[in-house]
C-alpha cells in the first residue's frame, strides 16, 4: 500500500506461509525500489522500529502510535514520557524514534542554511502574497520588521 492508498505490486508469499512471513523484507524492498512515497506512515514507523524490536509484529504498534499522536511527525516529536506510555514501546524503540527525529531536524536546519534570507519588504510581499491578493500591497507578515527599508 502506498502513502495515497494504492496497493503494492510486490508479490505476497506463495509457499502457503502466513502473510506476515517475509513482511519486513517486502517492506524494505518496496521502500528501496519505490521510495518513501510507496509506504504509508504506519509502514514508515514499522521500518524505523524494525531494529529496536526485531522479533514482533509492529503493525499494531505503529498504528497505535499514529492513533495516539495523529501523524508520523507528531509520533516522532512526542515527548519521551508520552511515548513511554505506549504499551510495547521500550526505551530502545523510543531512542530510535528520537534519533530519527533529531536527524530530520538537523537535515532541515542544513537545508534552511542553504537558502538566502529575504531582506527586502517588496520582494518578501511578492513571494509571500497569496495569488488571490493584490501584489501591490507593501507589507507582509514575514517581513513586517523590514518593510520600512523598501
Protein backbone atom coordinates (compact mmCIF):
# COMPACT_ATOMS: atom_id res chain seq x y z
CA UNK A 1 0.00 0.00 0.00
CA UNK A 2 1.37 3.43 -0.82
CA UNK A 3 1.00 6.71 1.00
CA UNK A 4 -2.01 7.51 -1.18
CA UNK A 5 -3.81 4.19 -0.58
CA UNK A 6 -2.67 2.30 -3.70
CA UNK A 7 -1.86 -1.35 -3.25
CA UNK A 8 1.63 -2.70 -3.64
CA UNK A 9 2.66 -4.58 -6.77
CA UNK A 10 5.21 -6.67 -4.87
CA UNK A 11 4.21 -10.32 -4.59
CA UNK A 12 2.98 -11.89 -1.37
CA UNK A 13 4.43 -15.22 -0.24
CA UNK A 14 3.37 -18.07 -2.49
CA UNK A 15 4.54 -21.00 -0.39
CA UNK A 16 1.43 -21.09 1.78
CA UNK A 17 3.20 -19.30 4.62
CA UNK A 18 1.25 -16.80 6.70
CA UNK A 19 1.03 -13.34 5.15
CA UNK A 20 3.36 -11.83 7.73
CA UNK A 21 6.26 -14.13 6.81
CA UNK A 22 8.74 -12.03 4.91
CA UNK A 23 6.80 -8.84 5.66
CA UNK A 24 9.87 -6.91 6.79
CA UNK A 25 11.87 -7.80 3.71
CA UNK A 26 8.95 -7.00 1.38
CA UNK A 27 8.51 -3.63 3.10
CA UNK A 28 12.23 -2.84 2.91
CA UNK A 29 12.31 -3.85 -0.77
CA UNK A 30 9.30 -1.65 -1.58
CA UNK A 31 10.96 1.28 0.18
CA UNK A 32 14.27 0.62 -1.61
CA UNK A 33 12.74 0.22 -5.06
CA UNK A 34 9.93 2.78 -4.98
CA UNK A 35 10.97 5.28 -2.32
CA UNK A 36 9.28 6.79 0.70
CA UNK A 37 6.07 7.66 -1.15
CA UNK A 38 5.44 3.93 -1.66
CA UNK A 39 4.88 3.32 2.05
CA UNK A 40 2.21 4.59 4.40
CA UNK A 41 3.00 6.46 7.61
CA UNK A 42 2.49 3.35 9.75
CA UNK A 43 4.77 1.35 7.44
CA UNK A 44 7.46 4.02 7.73
CA UNK A 45 7.14 3.77 11.52
CA UNK A 46 7.49 0.00 11.20
CA UNK A 47 10.70 0.47 9.19
CA UNK A 48 12.09 2.77 11.89
CA UNK A 49 11.16 0.33 14.67
CA UNK A 50 12.43 -2.88 12.99
CA UNK A 51 15.91 -2.67 14.52
CA UNK A 52 14.77 -1.87 18.06
CA UNK A 53 12.05 -4.55 18.10
CA UNK A 54 13.42 -7.34 15.91
CA UNK A 55 11.02 -10.20 16.56
CA UNK A 56 7.47 -8.97 16.69
CA UNK A 57 4.66 -7.71 14.51
CA UNK A 58 4.99 -3.94 14.57
CA UNK A 59 1.94 -3.02 12.53
CA UNK A 60 -0.38 -2.74 15.57
CA UNK A 61 2.21 -0.69 17.48
CA UNK A 62 2.82 1.64 14.52
CA UNK A 63 -0.92 2.12 14.05
CA UNK A 64 -1.35 2.79 17.78
CA UNK A 65 1.36 5.48 17.60
CA UNK A 66 -0.50 7.17 14.74
CA UNK A 67 -3.84 6.89 16.53
CA UNK A 68 -2.38 8.32 19.74
CA UNK A 69 -0.33 11.15 18.27
CA UNK A 70 -2.16 11.86 15.00
CA UNK A 71 0.67 11.68 12.45
CA UNK A 72 4.13 10.33 11.72
CA UNK A 73 5.66 13.72 12.54
CA UNK A 74 3.79 14.01 15.84
CA UNK A 75 4.78 10.48 16.86
CA UNK A 76 8.46 11.32 16.30
CA UNK A 77 8.05 14.69 18.04
CA UNK A 78 6.22 13.32 21.09
CA UNK A 79 7.97 13.70 24.44
CA UNK A 80 9.77 10.59 25.69
CA UNK A 81 7.41 10.42 28.66
CA UNK A 82 4.35 10.23 26.39
CA UNK A 83 5.99 7.61 24.18
CA UNK A 84 6.79 5.53 27.28
CA UNK A 85 3.04 5.34 28.00
CA UNK A 86 2.55 3.27 24.82
CA UNK A 87 2.44 -0.43 25.70
CA UNK A 88 5.20 -2.33 23.94
CA UNK A 89 7.37 0.70 23.24
CA UNK A 90 10.53 0.31 25.28
CA UNK A 91 13.49 2.59 25.85
CA UNK A 92 15.38 1.25 22.80
CA UNK A 93 12.49 1.92 20.44
CA UNK A 94 11.88 5.36 21.95
CA UNK A 95 15.56 6.17 21.46
CA UNK A 96 15.38 5.07 17.81
CA UNK A 97 12.35 7.31 17.23
CA UNK A 98 14.17 10.23 18.84
CA UNK A 99 17.28 9.57 16.69
CA UNK A 100 15.16 9.80 13.54
CA UNK A 101 13.54 12.99 14.87
CA UNK A 102 16.94 14.54 15.62
CA UNK A 103 18.26 13.55 12.18
CA UNK A 104 15.23 15.09 10.47
CA UNK A 105 15.68 18.33 12.42
CA UNK A 106 19.36 18.50 11.56
CA UNK A 107 18.60 17.87 7.89
CA UNK A 108 16.03 20.69 7.86
CA UNK A 109 18.42 23.09 9.57
CA UNK A 110 21.02 22.28 6.93
CA UNK A 111 18.52 22.92 4.13
CA UNK A 112 17.45 26.25 5.62
CA UNK A 113 21.06 27.45 5.84
CA UNK A 114 21.45 26.96 2.08
CA UNK A 115 18.68 29.43 1.21
CA UNK A 116 19.10 33.22 1.17
CA UNK A 117 17.32 35.33 3.75
CA UNK A 118 14.73 37.72 2.33
CA UNK A 119 15.54 41.22 3.49
CA UNK A 120 13.61 43.48 1.14
CA UNK A 121 9.96 44.10 2.02
CA UNK A 122 8.73 44.27 -1.58
CA UNK A 123 10.47 41.05 -2.53
CA UNK A 124 9.05 39.32 0.52
CA UNK A 125 5.50 40.51 -0.06
CA UNK A 126 5.71 39.43 -3.70
CA UNK A 127 6.87 35.95 -2.76
CA UNK A 128 4.63 35.50 0.29
CA UNK A 129 1.41 37.04 -1.05
CA UNK A 130 -1.32 34.53 -1.87
CA UNK A 131 -2.24 34.59 -5.56
CA UNK A 132 -5.72 35.99 -4.88
CA UNK A 133 -4.35 39.02 -3.00
CA UNK A 134 -3.09 42.06 -4.82
CA UNK A 135 0.67 42.00 -5.05
CA UNK A 136 0.82 45.78 -4.80
CA UNK A 137 0.45 45.76 -1.02
CA UNK A 138 3.72 46.85 0.52
CA UNK A 139 3.99 44.75 3.64
CA UNK A 140 3.79 41.13 4.57
CA UNK A 141 3.81 39.29 7.84
CA UNK A 142 7.10 37.57 7.01
CA UNK A 143 8.92 40.86 6.51
CA UNK A 144 6.98 43.32 8.61
CA UNK A 145 10.10 44.26 10.54
CA UNK A 146 12.00 45.04 7.33
CA UNK A 147 9.24 46.64 5.28
CA UNK A 148 10.40 50.10 6.33
CA UNK A 149 13.63 49.56 4.39
CA UNK A 150 11.88 49.44 0.98
